[in-house]
Amino acid sequence: MSRVLSIEDGNLSSSIITSRDKLYSDIDLLFERRPSGDIYKKTDADAVKQSVKNIVSTNRYEKPFEIFYGANITGMLFELADAGMGTHIEDQIQSAIEQYEPRAKILNIDVNSNPDRNSLQVTLLFRIKSNEQEVELETTVSRLR
């Protein structure tokens, strides 16, 4: 990556060359302990995948002080299963990930409803913005009772 210098920098004979790979890291939400006593952490694609899954499975008002966080699709399990429901769920997921996960770019969302079992099968294909890696995430959202 080449950086252009401003006029205030003067007429320098060379430009500044910088390159930096972003390393994404988050704590593992399973909170398992390593032999050293620390908890494991997720890096790169695993960190982004965990974050996207967390957004998809979170409902509104579940996260304190951020009432609109999450895709809010668990509430859709109680709606009538019609043709427009899948499109509405896809839109909910798309807007939540665009708003709360800047590291991922959604490529494809596929929602399959199973109304007899009160569950949704969600398959997401997204690209990690820093390294252009494509990741697929499959998760099932279902009622607890």
Protein backbone atom coordinates (compact mmCIF):
# COMPACT_ATOMS: atom_id res chain seq x y z
CA MET A 1 0.00 0.00 0.00
CA SER A 2 1.44 3.37 -0.94
CA ARG A 3 0.59 6.41 1.14
CA VAL A 4 0.42 9.85 -0.48
CA LEU A 5 2.03 12.63 1.53
CA SER A 6 0.40 16.00 2.11
CA ILE A 7 1.82 19.37 1.08
CA GLU A 8 2.80 20.09 4.69
CA ASP A 9 5.18 17.12 4.60
CA GLY A 10 7.34 18.89 2.03
CA ASN A 11 8.86 17.45 -1.08
CA LEU A 12 10.16 14.17 0.19
CA SER A 13 11.93 12.08 -2.40
CA SER A 14 10.16 8.85 -1.48
CA SER A 15 6.71 7.87 -0.38
CA ILE A 16 5.97 5.86 2.71
CA ILE A 17 5.22 2.21 2.03
CA THR A 18 3.11 0.48 4.62
CA SER A 19 1.46 -2.88 4.82
CA ARG A 20 -0.27 -4.32 7.77
CA ASP A 21 -2.38 -7.41 8.02
CA LYS A 22 -5.18 -7.12 10.51
CA LEU A 23 -5.34 -10.00 12.94
CA TYR A 24 -8.82 -10.33 14.34
CA SER A 25 -9.04 -11.95 17.74
CA ASP A 26 -11.85 -12.46 20.22
CA ILE A 27 -12.23 -14.57 23.33
CA ASP A 28 -13.76 -18.00 22.88
CA LEU A 29 -17.30 -17.85 24.23
CA LEU A 30 -17.08 -21.43 25.52
CA PHE A 31 -14.67 -20.13 28.20
CA GLU A 32 -12.66 -23.34 28.28
CA ARG A 33 -9.40 -23.16 30.19
CA ARG A 34 -5.99 -23.71 28.67
CA PRO A 35 -3.41 -25.66 30.69
CA SER A 36 -1.83 -22.32 31.65
CA GLY A 37 -5.12 -21.17 33.22
CA ASP A 38 -5.99 -18.62 30.54
CA ILE A 39 -9.00 -18.99 28.29
CA TYR A 40 -8.70 -19.81 24.62
CA LYS A 41 -9.13 -17.13 22.00
CA LYS A 42 -10.46 -17.21 18.46
CA THR A 43 -8.50 -15.57 15.67
CA ASP A 44 -9.15 -14.40 12.10
CA ALA A 45 -12.00 -16.29 10.39
CA ASP A 46 -13.02 -18.11 13.58
CA ALA A 47 -13.42 -14.81 15.45
CA VAL A 48 -15.61 -13.29 12.74
CA LYS A 49 -17.64 -16.50 12.39
CA GLN A 50 -18.31 -16.58 16.13
CA SER A 51 -19.40 -12.94 16.05
CA VAL A 52 -21.76 -13.47 13.09
CA LYS A 53 -23.31 -16.50 14.79
CA ASN A 54 -23.79 -14.46 17.96
CA ILE A 55 -25.56 -11.70 16.02
CA VAL A 56 -27.86 -14.21 14.28
CA SER A 57 -28.83 -15.94 17.53
CA THR A 58 -29.40 -12.77 19.59
CA ASN A 59 -32.83 -11.17 19.94
CA ARG A 60 -33.62 -7.54 20.53
CA TYR A 61 -33.48 -6.41 24.17
CA GLU A 62 -31.16 -9.30 25.14
CA LYS A 63 -27.98 -7.21 25.20
CA PRO A 64 -27.98 -4.58 27.95
CA PHE A 65 -27.68 -0.96 26.76
CA GLU A 66 -27.91 -2.01 23.09
CA ILE A 67 -31.55 -2.91 22.67
CA PHE A 68 -31.44 -3.17 18.87
CA TYR A 69 -28.44 -5.54 18.76
CA GLY A 70 -29.09 -8.85 17.01
CA ALA A 71 -31.10 -10.22 14.11
CA ASN A 72 -34.20 -10.92 16.22
CA ILE A 73 -35.18 -14.04 14.27
CA THR A 74 -36.18 -16.24 17.20
CA GLY A 75 -39.36 -14.21 17.47
CA MET A 76 -40.13 -15.15 13.86
CA LEU A 77 -40.58 -18.78 14.92
CA PHE A 78 -43.97 -17.82 16.35
CA GLU A 79 -45.19 -16.19 13.12
CA LEU A 80 -47.14 -17.92 10.38
CA ALA A 81 -44.85 -19.69 7.92
CA ASP A 82 -45.70 -18.01 4.64
CA ALA A 83 -43.71 -17.24 1.50
CA GLY A 84 -42.65 -13.76 2.66
CA MET A 85 -41.29 -14.88 6.01
CA GLY A 86 -38.00 -16.18 4.55
CA THR A 87 -37.34 -12.90 2.76
CA HIS A 88 -38.09 -10.92 5.92
CA ILE A 89 -35.69 -13.06 7.96
CA GLU A 90 -32.96 -12.67 5.33
CA ASP A 91 -33.42 -8.88 5.45
CA GLN A 92 -33.23 -8.91 9.26
CA ILE A 93 -29.98 -10.90 9.21
CA GLN A 94 -28.48 -8.76 6.43
CA SER A 95 -29.14 -5.46 8.18
CA ALA A 96 -27.96 -6.72 11.60
CA ILE A 97 -24.66 -8.02 10.25
CA GLU A 98 -24.06 -4.88 8.18
CA GLN A 99 -24.66 -2.75 11.26
CA TYR A 100 -22.85 -4.74 13.97
CA GLU A 101 -20.10 -6.71 12.18
CA PRO A 102 -17.92 -4.50 9.98
CA ARG A 103 -15.39 -7.31 9.41
CA ALA A 104 -17.82 -9.39 7.31
CA LYS A 105 -19.49 -8.83 3.94
CA ILE A 106 -22.53 -11.01 3.29
CA LEU A 107 -22.49 -12.86 -0.03
CA ASN A 108 -25.49 -15.17 0.36
CA ILE A 109 -28.18 -15.94 2.93
CA ASP A 110 -30.36 -19.04 2.73
CA VAL A 111 -33.19 -19.61 5.22
CA ASN A 112 -35.14 -22.88 5.34
CA SER A 113 -38.16 -23.01 7.59
CA ASN A 114 -39.39 -26.16 9.28
CA PRO A 115 -42.70 -25.09 10.83
CA ASP A 116 -43.53 -28.56 12.15
CA ARG A 117 -40.45 -28.49 14.38
CA ASN A 118 -40.57 -24.73 15.01
CA SER A 119 -37.07 -24.22 13.69
CA LEU A 120 -35.15 -22.31 11.06
CA GLN A 121 -32.02 -23.54 9.27
CA VAL A 122 -29.86 -20.52 8.37
CA THR A 123 -26.89 -20.81 6.01
CA LEU A 124 -24.69 -17.74 5.57
CA LEU A 125 -21.85 -17.24 3.13
CA PHE A 126 -19.73 -14.20 3.90
CA ARG A 127 -16.32 -12.79 3.06
CA ILE A 128 -13.88 -11.50 5.64
CA LYS A 129 -12.90 -8.02 4.50
CA SER A 130 -9.26 -8.06 5.58
CA ASN A 131 -8.11 -11.19 3.75
CA GLU A 132 -10.95 -11.90 1.28
CA GLN A 133 -11.50 -15.38 2.77
CA GLU A 134 -14.98 -16.84 2.25
CA VAL A 135 -16.61 -18.52 5.23
CA GLU A 136 -19.81 -20.56 5.42
CA LEU A 137 -21.84 -20.69 8.61
CA GLU A 138 -24.77 -23.04 9.23
CA THR A 139 -26.89 -22.65 12.32
CA THR A 140 -30.30 -23.75 13.50
CA VAL A 141 -32.60 -21.48 15.43
CA SER A 142 -35.37 -23.25 17.33
CA ARG A 143 -37.83 -22.77 20.15
CA LEU A 144 -36.76 -23.89 23.59
CA ARG A 145 -40.03 -25.56 24.53
